[in-house]
Amino acid sequence: MSNISMQQALAEIRQIASQVNGAQAVEVASEKGGPGFAELLKQAIGGVNDLQTRASGMADSFARGEDVALSDVMITSQKARVSFEAVKQVRKHLLEAYQEVSRMQI
């Protein structure tokens, strides 16, 4: 792996770590009257949309022959796919929880 690729990988790892730390800070903020669940879900879906848009743009750029590395295109595409799958799982669990609550007898 080249030095530039290593630096990019390290930068991405740091970015993901800061997002995780930010998510923990959001949990604490929500206990103190921060953004609600709906707002966090909206932000997560917006983030997934941004990743998919970026991946599509990079793939189009690569197809046009622009100076975009195939490895960057594949990594960005996989990130978008994984984040979309995560949102699908959250949606699935939310629907299951809703159905379970709606079946409860009062």
PDB file of N, CA and C in Angstrom:
ATOM      1  N   MET A   1       0.855  -1.165   0.000  1.00  0.00           N
ATOM      2  CA  MET A   1       0.000   0.000   0.000  1.00  0.00           C
ATOM      3  C   MET A   1       0.900   1.227   0.000  1.00  0.00           C
ATOM      4  N   SER A   2       0.602   2.168  -0.886  1.00  0.00           N
ATOM      5  CA  SER A   2       1.445   3.352  -0.975  1.00  0.00           C
ATOM      6  C   SER A   2       1.232   4.261   0.229  1.00  0.00           C
ATOM      7  N   ASN A   3       2.147   5.205   0.393  1.00  0.00           N
ATOM      8  CA  ASN A   3       2.089   6.141   1.512  1.00  0.00           C
ATOM      9  C   ASN A   3       0.836   7.000   1.443  1.00  0.00           C
ATOM     10  N   ILE A   4       0.437   7.401   0.221  1.00  0.00           N
ATOM     11  CA  ILE A   4      -0.762   8.220   0.047  1.00  0.00           C
ATOM     12  C   ILE A   4      -1.999   7.409   0.440  1.00  0.00           C
ATOM     13  N   SER A   5      -2.065   6.154   0.033  1.00  0.00           N
ATOM     14  CA  SER A   5      -3.203   5.303   0.379  1.00  0.00           C
ATOM     15  C   SER A   5      -3.290   5.096   1.886  1.00  0.00           C
ATOM     16  N   MET A   6      -2.136   4.921   2.525  1.00  0.00           N
ATOM     17  CA  MET A   6      -2.122   4.751   3.978  1.00  0.00           C
ATOM     18  C   MET A   6      -2.633   6.012   4.662  1.00  0.00           C
ATOM     19  N   GLN A   7      -2.212   7.169   4.158  1.00  0.00           N
ATOM     20  CA  GLN A   7      -2.653   8.433   4.742  1.00  0.00           C
ATOM     21  C   GLN A   7      -4.162   8.606   4.561  1.00  0.00           C
ATOM     22  N   GLN A   8      -4.680   8.217   3.394  1.00  0.00           N
ATOM     23  CA  GLN A   8      -6.119   8.307   3.157  1.00  0.00           C
ATOM     24  C   GLN A   8      -6.867   7.364   4.080  1.00  0.00           C
ATOM     25  N   ALA A   9      -6.354   6.158   4.250  1.00  0.00           N
ATOM     26  CA  ALA A   9      -7.001   5.189   5.125  1.00  0.00           C
ATOM     27  C   ALA A   9      -7.003   5.686   6.569  1.00  0.00           C
ATOM     28  N   LEU A  10      -5.887   6.237   7.015  1.00  0.00           N
ATOM     29  CA  LEU A  10      -5.822   6.780   8.368  1.00  0.00           C
ATOM     30  C   LEU A  10      -6.787   7.951   8.549  1.00  0.00           C
ATOM     31  N   ALA A  11      -6.888   8.792   7.535  1.00  0.00           N
ATOM     32  CA  ALA A  11      -7.807   9.930   7.609  1.00  0.00           C
ATOM     33  C   ALA A  11      -9.255   9.438   7.708  1.00  0.00           C
ATOM     34  N   GLU A  12      -9.590   8.391   6.941  1.00  0.00           N
ATOM     35  CA  GLU A  12     -10.943   7.839   6.998  1.00  0.00           C
ATOM     36  C   GLU A  12     -11.229   7.208   8.359  1.00  0.00           C
ATOM     37  N   ILE A  13     -10.246   6.524   8.919  1.00  0.00           N
ATOM     38  CA  ILE A  13     -10.423   5.917  10.240  1.00  0.00           C
ATOM     39  C   ILE A  13     -10.639   7.008  11.285  1.00  0.00           C
ATOM     40  N   ARG A  14      -9.874   8.081  11.184  1.00  0.00           N
ATOM     41  CA  ARG A  14     -10.058   9.196  12.130  1.00  0.00           C
ATOM     42  C   ARG A  14     -11.428   9.829  11.969  1.00  0.00           C
ATOM     43  N   GLN A  15     -11.895   9.955  10.732  1.00  0.00           N
ATOM     44  CA  GLN A  15     -13.216  10.537  10.482  1.00  0.00           C
ATOM     45  C   GLN A  15     -14.313   9.663  11.072  1.00  0.00           C
ATOM     46  N   ILE A  16     -14.213   8.355  10.878  1.00  0.00           N
ATOM     47  CA  ILE A  16     -15.209   7.432  11.435  1.00  0.00           C
ATOM     48  C   ILE A  16     -15.175   7.480  12.953  1.00  0.00           C
ATOM     49  N   ALA A  17     -13.976   7.542  13.533  1.00  0.00           N
ATOM     50  CA  ALA A  17     -13.867   7.625  14.991  1.00  0.00           C
ATOM     51  C   ALA A  17     -14.499   8.905  15.514  1.00  0.00           C
ATOM     52  N   SER A  18     -14.295  10.009  14.799  1.00  0.00           N
ATOM     53  CA  SER A  18     -14.910  11.268  15.248  1.00  0.00           C
ATOM     54  C   SER A  18     -16.418  11.207  15.122  1.00  0.00           C
ATOM     55  N   GLN A  19     -16.939  10.484  14.110  1.00  0.00           N
ATOM     56  CA  GLN A  19     -18.383  10.322  13.971  1.00  0.00           C
ATOM     57  C   GLN A  19     -18.938   9.495  15.122  1.00  0.00           C
ATOM     58  N   VAL A  20     -18.203   8.453  15.512  1.00  0.00           N
ATOM     59  CA  VAL A  20     -18.640   7.631  16.643  1.00  0.00           C
ATOM     60  C   VAL A  20     -18.640   8.460  17.916  1.00  0.00           C
ATOM     61  N   ASN A  21     -17.575   9.231  18.121  1.00  0.00           N
ATOM     62  CA  ASN A  21     -17.517  10.104  19.297  1.00  0.00           C
ATOM     63  C   ASN A  21     -18.619  11.143  19.246  1.00  0.00           C
ATOM     64  N   GLY A  22     -18.930  11.635  18.054  1.00  0.00           N
ATOM     65  CA  GLY A  22     -20.016  12.594  17.894  1.00  0.00           C
ATOM     66  C   GLY A  22     -21.355  11.963  18.219  1.00  0.00           C
ATOM     67  N   ALA A  23     -21.536  10.689  17.841  1.00  0.00           N
ATOM     68  CA  ALA A  23     -22.790   9.990  18.146  1.00  0.00           C
ATOM     69  C   ALA A  23     -22.947   9.820  19.651  1.00  0.00           C
ATOM     70  N   GLN A  24     -21.839   9.547  20.349  1.00  0.00           N
ATOM     71  CA  GLN A  24     -21.911   9.436  21.798  1.00  0.00           C
ATOM     72  C   GLN A  24     -22.251  10.779  22.412  1.00  0.00           C
ATOM     73  N   ALA A  25     -21.722  11.848  21.847  1.00  0.00           N
ATOM     74  CA  ALA A  25     -22.037  13.183  22.350  1.00  0.00           C
ATOM     75  C   ALA A  25     -23.497  13.517  22.100  1.00  0.00           C
ATOM     76  N   VAL A  26     -24.055  13.047  20.977  1.00  0.00           N
ATOM     77  CA  VAL A  26     -25.467  13.281  20.676  1.00  0.00           C
ATOM     78  C   VAL A  26     -26.343  12.551  21.676  1.00  0.00           C
ATOM     79  N   GLU A  27     -25.925  11.332  22.081  1.00  0.00           N
ATOM     80  CA  GLU A  27     -26.695  10.591  23.085  1.00  0.00           C
ATOM     81  C   GLU A  27     -26.756  11.382  24.388  1.00  0.00           C
ATOM     82  N   VAL A  28     -25.638  11.936  24.783  1.00  0.00           N
ATOM     83  CA  VAL A  28     -25.607  12.732  26.005  1.00  0.00           C
ATOM     84  C   VAL A  28     -26.439  13.993  25.817  1.00  0.00           C
ATOM     85  N   ALA A  29     -26.347  14.613  24.644  1.00  0.00           N
ATOM     86  CA  ALA A  29     -27.099  15.843  24.380  1.00  0.00           C
ATOM     87  C   ALA A  29     -28.596  15.575  24.391  1.00  0.00           C
ATOM     88  N   SER A  30     -29.021  14.408  23.897  1.00  0.00           N
ATOM     89  CA  SER A  30     -30.452  14.115  23.878  1.00  0.00           C
ATOM     90  C   SER A  30     -30.995  13.946  25.287  1.00  0.00           C
ATOM     91  N   GLU A  31     -30.152  13.493  26.205  1.00  0.00           N
ATOM     92  CA  GLU A  31     -30.581  13.398  27.597  1.00  0.00           C
ATOM     93  C   GLU A  31     -30.750  14.787  28.193  1.00  0.00           C
ATOM     94  N   LYS A  32     -30.083  15.760  27.619  1.00  0.00           N
ATOM     95  CA  LYS A  32     -30.150  17.126  28.127  1.00  0.00           C
ATOM     96  C   LYS A  32     -31.044  17.997  27.252  1.00  0.00           C
ATOM     97  N   GLY A  33     -31.938  17.396  26.498  1.00  0.00           N
ATOM     98  CA  GLY A  33     -32.845  18.162  25.663  1.00  0.00           C
ATOM     99  C   GLY A  33     -32.307  18.443  24.277  1.00  0.00           C
ATOM    100  N   GLY A  34     -31.402  17.635  23.781  1.00  0.00           N
ATOM    101  CA  GLY A  34     -30.825  17.812  22.452  1.00  0.00           C
ATOM    102  C   GLY A  34     -31.796  17.332  21.386  1.00  0.00           C
ATOM    103  N   PRO A  35     -31.277  17.038  20.204  1.00  0.00           N
ATOM    104  CA  PRO A  35     -32.150  16.618  19.107  1.00  0.00           C
ATOM    105  C   PRO A  35     -32.848  15.300  19.435  1.00  0.00           C
ATOM    106  N   GLY A  36     -34.063  15.179  18.953  1.00  0.00           N
ATOM    107  CA  GLY A  36     -34.844  13.982  19.204  1.00  0.00           C
ATOM    108  C   GLY A  36     -34.498  12.863  18.244  1.00  0.00           C
ATOM    109  N   PHE A  37     -35.164  11.734  18.435  1.00  0.00           N
ATOM    110  CA  PHE A  37     -34.904  10.556  17.608  1.00  0.00           C
ATOM    111  C   PHE A  37     -35.214  10.828  16.149  1.00  0.00           C
ATOM    112  N   ALA A  38     -36.319  11.505  15.884  1.00  0.00           N
ATOM    113  CA  ALA A  38     -36.702  11.782  14.497  1.00  0.00           C
ATOM    114  C   ALA A  38     -35.634  12.620  13.800  1.00  0.00           C
ATOM    115  N   GLU A  39     -35.085  13.595  14.491  1.00  0.00           N
ATOM    116  CA  GLU A  39     -34.042  14.443  13.907  1.00  0.00           C
ATOM    117  C   GLU A  39     -32.778  13.627  13.630  1.00  0.00           C
ATOM    118  N   LEU A  40     -32.403  12.760  14.540  1.00  0.00           N
ATOM    119  CA  LEU A  40     -31.222  11.916  14.332  1.00  0.00           C
ATOM    120  C   LEU A  40     -31.426  10.964  13.161  1.00  0.00           C
ATOM    121  N   LEU A  41     -32.630  10.413  13.057  1.00  0.00           N
ATOM    122  CA  LEU A  41     -32.930   9.513  11.941  1.00  0.00           C
ATOM    123  C   LEU A  41     -32.869  10.266  10.623  1.00  0.00           C
ATOM    124  N   LYS A  42     -33.397  11.480  10.612  1.00  0.00           N
ATOM    125  CA  LYS A  42     -33.361  12.312   9.414  1.00  0.00           C
ATOM    126  C   LYS A  42     -31.913  12.605   9.015  1.00  0.00           C
ATOM    127  N   GLN A  43     -31.063  12.914   9.986  1.00  0.00           N
ATOM    128  CA  GLN A  43     -29.650  13.183   9.709  1.00  0.00           C
ATOM    129  C   GLN A  43     -28.951  11.938   9.165  1.00  0.00           C
ATOM    130  N   ALA A  44     -29.277  10.778   9.732  1.00  0.00           N
ATOM    131  CA  ALA A  44     -28.659   9.527   9.269  1.00  0.00           C
ATOM    132  C   ALA A  44     -29.056   9.231   7.824  1.00  0.00           C
ATOM    133  N   ILE A  45     -30.322   9.426   7.508  1.00  0.00           N
ATOM    134  CA  ILE A  45     -30.781   9.177   6.139  1.00  0.00           C
ATOM    135  C   ILE A  45     -30.148  10.175   5.181  1.00  0.00           C
ATOM    136  N   GLY A  46     -30.013  11.420   5.609  1.00  0.00           N
ATOM    137  CA  GLY A  46     -29.331  12.417   4.782  1.00  0.00           C
ATOM    138  C   GLY A  46     -27.877  12.051   4.534  1.00  0.00           C
ATOM    139  N   GLY A  47     -27.212  11.513   5.563  1.00  0.00           N
ATOM    140  CA  GLY A  47     -25.825  11.076   5.410  1.00  0.00           C
ATOM    141  C   GLY A  47     -25.691   9.925   4.422  1.00  0.00           C
ATOM    142  N   VAL A  48     -26.635   8.987   4.486  1.00  0.00           N
ATOM    143  CA  VAL A  48     -26.626   7.860   3.545  1.00  0.00           C
ATOM    144  C   VAL A  48     -26.848   8.380   2.128  1.00  0.00           C
ATOM    145  N   ASN A  49     -27.768   9.306   1.984  1.00  0.00           N
ATOM    146  CA  ASN A  49     -28.028   9.888   0.663  1.00  0.00           C
ATOM    147  C   ASN A  49     -26.782  10.585   0.125  1.00  0.00           C
ATOM    148  N   ASP A  50     -26.086  11.320   0.970  1.00  0.00           N
ATOM    149  CA  ASP A  50     -24.855  11.985   0.547  1.00  0.00           C
ATOM    150  C   ASP A  50     -23.799  10.974   0.099  1.00  0.00           C
ATOM    151  N   LEU A  51     -23.650   9.884   0.859  1.00  0.00           N
ATOM    152  CA  LEU A  51     -22.685   8.851   0.481  1.00  0.00           C
ATOM    153  C   LEU A  51     -23.044   8.223  -0.859  1.00  0.00           C
ATOM    154  N   GLN A  52     -24.323   7.952  -1.080  1.00  0.00           N
ATOM    155  CA  GLN A  52     -24.729   7.340  -2.339  1.00  0.00           C
ATOM    156  C   GLN A  52     -24.537   8.296  -3.508  1.00  0.00           C
ATOM    157  N   THR A  53     -24.811   9.571  -3.283  1.00  0.00           N
ATOM    158  CA  THR A  53     -24.604  10.567  -4.335  1.00  0.00           C
ATOM    159  C   THR A  53     -23.128  10.679  -4.682  1.00  0.00           C
ATOM    160  N   ARG A  54     -22.273  10.705  -3.643  1.00  0.00           N
ATOM    161  CA  ARG A  54     -20.828  10.781  -3.871  1.00  0.00           C
ATOM    162  C   ARG A  54     -20.331   9.538  -4.615  1.00  0.00           C
ATOM    163  N   ALA A  55     -20.808   8.360  -4.226  1.00  0.00           N
ATOM    164  CA  ALA A  55     -20.379   7.119  -4.887  1.00  0.00           C
ATOM    165  C   ALA A  55     -20.815   7.108  -6.350  1.00  0.00           C
ATOM    166  N   SER A  56     -22.027   7.551  -6.606  1.00  0.00           N
ATOM    167  CA  SER A  56     -22.517   7.605  -7.984  1.00  0.00           C
ATOM    168  C   SER A  56     -21.708   8.595  -8.817  1.00  0.00           C
ATOM    169  N   GLY A  57     -21.397   9.733  -8.235  1.00  0.00           N
ATOM    170  CA  GLY A  57     -20.591  10.724  -8.942  1.00  0.00           C
ATOM    171  C   GLY A  57     -19.199  10.220  -9.259  1.00  0.00           C
ATOM    172  N   MET A  58     -18.599   9.523  -8.293  1.00  0.00           N
ATOM    173  CA  MET A  58     -17.254   8.981  -8.533  1.00  0.00           C
ATOM    174  C   MET A  58     -17.281   7.904  -9.612  1.00  0.00           C
ATOM    175  N   ALA A  59     -18.324   7.066  -9.595  1.00  0.00           N
ATOM    176  CA  ALA A  59     -18.435   6.026 -10.616  1.00  0.00           C
ATOM    177  C   ALA A  59     -18.624   6.645 -12.001  1.00  0.00           C
ATOM    178  N   ASP A  60     -19.429   7.687 -12.080  1.00  0.00           N
ATOM    179  CA  ASP A  60     -19.614   8.380 -13.360  1.00  0.00           C
ATOM    180  C   ASP A  60     -18.311   9.009 -13.830  1.00  0.00           C
ATOM    181  N   SER A  61     -17.579   9.623 -12.911  1.00  0.00           N
ATOM    182  CA  SER A  61     -16.293  10.231 -13.263  1.00  0.00           C
ATOM    183  C   SER A  61     -15.317   9.178 -13.771  1.00  0.00           C
ATOM    184  N   PHE A  62     -15.284   8.035 -13.109  1.00  0.00           N
ATOM    185  CA  PHE A  62     -14.399   6.953 -13.533  1.00  0.00           C
ATOM    186  C   PHE A  62     -14.797   6.452 -14.915  1.00  0.00           C
ATOM    187  N   ALA A  63     -16.113   6.327 -15.149  1.00  0.00           N
ATOM    188  CA  ALA A  63     -16.592   5.846 -16.448  1.00  0.00           C
ATOM    189  C   ALA A  63     -16.258   6.834 -17.572  1.00  0.00           C
ATOM    190  N   ARG A  64     -16.224   8.128 -17.254  1.00  0.00           N
ATOM    191  CA  ARG A  64     -15.873   9.137 -18.257  1.00  0.00           C
ATOM    192  C   ARG A  64     -14.369   9.206 -18.495  1.00  0.00           C
ATOM    193  N   GLY A  65     -13.603   8.492 -17.687  1.00  0.00           N
ATOM    194  CA  GLY A  65     -12.156   8.475 -17.871  1.00  0.00           C
ATOM    195  C   GLY A  65     -11.428   9.568 -17.124  1.00  0.00           C
ATOM    196  N   GLU A  66     -12.093  10.198 -16.195  1.00  0.00           N
ATOM    197  CA  GLU A  66     -11.448  11.246 -15.409  1.00  0.00           C
ATOM    198  C   GLU A  66     -10.447  10.614 -14.447  1.00  0.00           C
ATOM    199  N   ASP A  67      -9.659  11.456 -13.805  1.00  0.00           N
ATOM    200  CA  ASP A  67      -8.584  10.983 -12.930  1.00  0.00           C
ATOM    201  C   ASP A  67      -9.140  10.585 -11.557  1.00  0.00           C
ATOM    202  N   VAL A  68      -9.772   9.398 -11.520  1.00  0.00           N
ATOM    203  CA  VAL A  68     -10.328   8.847 -10.282  1.00  0.00           C
ATOM    204  C   VAL A  68      -9.851   7.405 -10.184  1.00  0.00           C
ATOM    205  N   ALA A  69      -9.255   7.071  -9.053  1.00  0.00           N
ATOM    206  CA  ALA A  69      -8.732   5.709  -8.876  1.00  0.00           C
ATOM    207  C   ALA A  69      -9.876   4.719  -8.681  1.00  0.00           C
ATOM    208  N   LEU A  70      -9.756   3.568  -9.302  1.00  0.00           N
ATOM    209  CA  LEU A  70     -10.784   2.535  -9.184  1.00  0.00           C
ATOM    210  C   LEU A  70     -10.962   2.114  -7.729  1.00  0.00           C
ATOM    211  N   SER A  71      -9.865   2.054  -6.986  1.00  0.00           N
ATOM    212  CA  SER A  71      -9.975   1.648  -5.580  1.00  0.00           C
ATOM    213  C   SER A  71     -10.810   2.656  -4.789  1.00  0.00           C
ATOM    214  N   ASP A  72     -10.663   3.953  -5.080  1.00  0.00           N
ATOM    215  CA  ASP A  72     -11.473   4.966  -4.398  1.00  0.00           C
ATOM    216  C   ASP A  72     -12.947   4.816  -4.754  1.00  0.00           C
ATOM    217  N   VAL A  73     -13.215   4.526  -6.018  1.00  0.00           N
ATOM    218  CA  VAL A  73     -14.602   4.323  -6.455  1.00  0.00           C
ATOM    219  C   VAL A  73     -15.211   3.128  -5.733  1.00  0.00           C
ATOM    220  N   MET A  74     -14.462   2.038  -5.649  1.00  0.00           N
ATOM    221  CA  MET A  74     -14.986   0.823  -5.012  1.00  0.00           C
ATOM    222  C   MET A  74     -15.177   1.026  -3.503  1.00  0.00           C
ATOM    223  N   ILE A  75     -14.241   1.703  -2.851  1.00  0.00           N
ATOM    224  CA  ILE A  75     -14.362   1.940  -1.409  1.00  0.00           C
ATOM    225  C   ILE A  75     -15.567   2.818  -1.119  1.00  0.00           C
ATOM    226  N   THR A  76     -15.731   3.881  -1.891  1.00  0.00           N
ATOM    227  CA  THR A  76     -16.870   4.775  -1.690  1.00  0.00           C
ATOM    228  C   THR A  76     -18.178   4.050  -1.961  1.00  0.00           C
ATOM    229  N   SER A  77     -18.208   3.214  -2.983  1.00  0.00           N
ATOM    230  CA  SER A  77     -19.423   2.447  -3.289  1.00  0.00           C
ATOM    231  C   SER A  77     -19.760   1.478  -2.161  1.00  0.00           C
ATOM    232  N   GLN A  78     -18.752   0.830  -1.610  1.00  0.00           N
ATOM    233  CA  GLN A  78     -18.989  -0.104  -0.516  1.00  0.00           C
ATOM    234  C   GLN A  78     -19.457   0.613   0.743  1.00  0.00           C
ATOM    235  N   LYS A  79     -18.883   1.792   1.019  1.00  0.00           N
ATOM    236  CA  LYS A  79     -19.336   2.577   2.167  1.00  0.00           C
ATOM    237  C   LYS A  79     -20.813   2.930   2.012  1.00  0.00           C
ATOM    238  N   ALA A  80     -21.193   3.348   0.809  1.00  0.00           N
ATOM    239  CA  ALA A  80     -22.588   3.702   0.552  1.00  0.00           C
ATOM    240  C   ALA A  80     -23.488   2.485   0.719  1.00  0.00           C
ATOM    241  N   ARG A  81     -23.045   1.337   0.222  1.00  0.00           N
ATOM    242  CA  ARG A  81     -23.851   0.119   0.325  1.00  0.00           C
ATOM    243  C   ARG A  81     -24.022  -0.302   1.777  1.00  0.00           C
ATOM    244  N   VAL A  82     -22.942  -0.282   2.532  1.00  0.00           N
ATOM    245  CA  VAL A  82     -23.003  -0.691   3.938  1.00  0.00           C
ATOM    246  C   VAL A  82     -23.878   0.261   4.752  1.00  0.00           C
ATOM    247  N   SER A  83     -23.742   1.560   4.498  1.00  0.00           N
ATOM    248  CA  SER A  83     -24.575   2.508   5.241  1.00  0.00           C
ATOM    249  C   SER A  83     -26.042   2.348   4.875  1.00  0.00           C
ATOM    250  N   PHE A  84     -26.342   2.059   3.620  1.00  0.00           N
ATOM    251  CA  PHE A  84     -27.730   1.836   3.212  1.00  0.00           C
ATOM    252  C   PHE A  84     -28.288   0.581   3.878  1.00  0.00           C
ATOM    253  N   GLU A  85     -27.486  -0.466   3.927  1.00  0.00           N
ATOM    254  CA  GLU A  85     -27.926  -1.700   4.594  1.00  0.00           C
ATOM    255  C   GLU A  85     -28.180  -1.454   6.082  1.00  0.00           C
ATOM    256  N   ALA A  86     -27.352  -0.628   6.707  1.00  0.00           N
ATOM    257  CA  ALA A  86     -27.549  -0.313   8.122  1.00  0.00           C
ATOM    258  C   ALA A  86     -28.871   0.423   8.332  1.00  0.00           C
ATOM    259  N   VAL A  87     -29.176   1.374   7.449  1.00  0.00           N
ATOM    260  CA  VAL A  87     -30.440   2.102   7.562  1.00  0.00           C
ATOM    261  C   VAL A  87     -31.617   1.161   7.328  1.00  0.00           C
ATOM    262  N   LYS A  88     -31.462   0.230   6.405  1.00  0.00           N
ATOM    263  CA  LYS A  88     -32.533  -0.748   6.173  1.00  0.00           C
ATOM    264  C   LYS A  88     -32.778  -1.595   7.415  1.00  0.00           C
ATOM    265  N   GLN A  89     -31.712  -1.976   8.107  1.00  0.00           N
ATOM    266  CA  GLN A  89     -31.864  -2.776   9.321  1.00  0.00           C
ATOM    267  C   GLN A  89     -32.533  -1.968  10.432  1.00  0.00           C
ATOM    268  N   VAL A  90     -32.168  -0.698  10.546  1.00  0.00           N
ATOM    269  CA  VAL A  90     -32.811   0.155  11.544  1.00  0.00           C
ATOM    270  C   VAL A  90     -34.299   0.262  11.240  1.00  0.00           C
ATOM    271  N   ARG A  91     -34.629   0.478   9.976  1.00  0.00           N
ATOM    272  CA  ARG A  91     -36.041   0.556   9.578  1.00  0.00           C
ATOM    273  C   ARG A  91     -36.775  -0.742   9.910  1.00  0.00           C
ATOM    274  N   LYS A  92     -36.135  -1.861   9.622  1.00  0.00           N
ATOM    275  CA  LYS A  92     -36.747  -3.162   9.897  1.00  0.00           C
ATOM    276  C   LYS A  92     -37.041  -3.310  11.389  1.00  0.00           C
ATOM    277  N   HIS A  93     -36.075  -2.957  12.218  1.00  0.00           N
ATOM    278  CA  HIS A  93     -36.263  -3.090  13.669  1.00  0.00           C
ATOM    279  C   HIS A  93     -37.301  -2.097  14.195  1.00  0.00           C
ATOM    280  N   LEU A  94     -37.348  -0.905  13.610  1.00  0.00           N
ATOM    281  CA  LEU A  94     -38.368   0.055  14.010  1.00  0.00           C
ATOM    282  C   LEU A  94     -39.765  -0.457  13.680  1.00  0.00           C
ATOM    283  N   LEU A  95     -39.919  -1.044  12.501  1.00  0.00           N
ATOM    284  CA  LEU A  95     -41.219  -1.599  12.120  1.00  0.00           C
ATOM    285  C   LEU A  95     -41.615  -2.759  13.023  1.00  0.00           C
ATOM    286  N   GLU A  96     -40.658  -3.608  13.348  1.00  0.00           N
ATOM    287  CA  GLU A  96     -40.947  -4.721  14.253  1.00  0.00           C
ATOM    288  C   GLU A  96     -41.352  -4.208  15.630  1.00  0.00           C
ATOM    289  N   ALA A  97     -40.664  -3.192  16.113  1.00  0.00           N
ATOM    290  CA  ALA A  97     -41.014  -2.624  17.422  1.00  0.00           C
ATOM    291  C   ALA A  97     -42.397  -1.996  17.384  1.00  0.00           C
ATOM    292  N   TYR A  98     -42.710  -1.283  16.297  1.00  0.00           N
ATOM    293  CA  TYR A  98     -44.031  -0.672  16.160  1.00  0.00           C
ATOM    294  C   TYR A  98     -45.118  -1.746  16.148  1.00  0.00           C
ATOM    295  N   GLN A  99     -44.886  -2.823  15.395  1.00  0.00           N
ATOM    296  CA  GLN A  99     -45.874  -3.896  15.327  1.00  0.00           C
ATOM    297  C   GLN A  99     -46.050  -4.564  16.688  1.00  0.00           C
ATOM    298  N   GLU A 100     -44.966  -4.733  17.414  1.00  0.00           N
ATOM    299  CA  GLU A 100     -45.035  -5.329  18.729  1.00  0.00           C
ATOM    300  C   GLU A 100     -45.826  -4.451  19.688  1.00  0.00           C
ATOM    301  N   VAL A 101     -45.582  -3.153  19.649  1.00  0.00           N
ATOM    302  CA  VAL A 101     -46.322  -2.223  20.520  1.00  0.00           C
ATOM    303  C   VAL A 101     -47.792  -2.189  20.131  1.00  0.00           C
ATOM    304  N   SER A 102     -48.069  -2.232  18.824  1.00  0.00           N
ATOM    305  CA  SER A 102     -49.472  -2.179  18.413  1.00  0.00           C
ATOM    306  C   SER A 102     -50.227  -3.450  18.787  1.00  0.00           C
ATOM    307  N   ARG A 103     -49.536  -4.568  18.990  1.00  0.00           N
ATOM    308  CA  ARG A 103     -50.183  -5.810  19.419  1.00  0.00           C
ATOM    309  C   ARG A 103     -50.400  -5.895  20.911  1.00  0.00           C
ATOM    310  N   MET A 104     -49.763  -4.983  21.658  1.00  0.00           N
ATOM    311  CA  MET A 104     -49.906  -5.016  23.111  1.00  0.00           C
ATOM    312  C   MET A 104     -51.342  -4.674  23.500  1.00  0.00           C
ATOM    313  N   GLN A 105     -51.813  -5.396  24.516  1.00  0.00           N
ATOM    314  CA  GLN A 105     -53.153  -5.102  25.031  1.00  0.00           C
ATOM    315  C   GLN A 105     -53.030  -4.136  26.199  1.00  0.00           C
ATOM    316  N   ILE A 106     -53.917  -3.182  26.201  1.00  0.00           N
ATOM    317  CA  ILE A 106     -53.876  -2.188  27.284  1.00  0.00           C
ATOM    318  C   ILE A 106     -54.760  -2.606  28.406  1.00  0.00           C
TER     319      ILE A 106
END
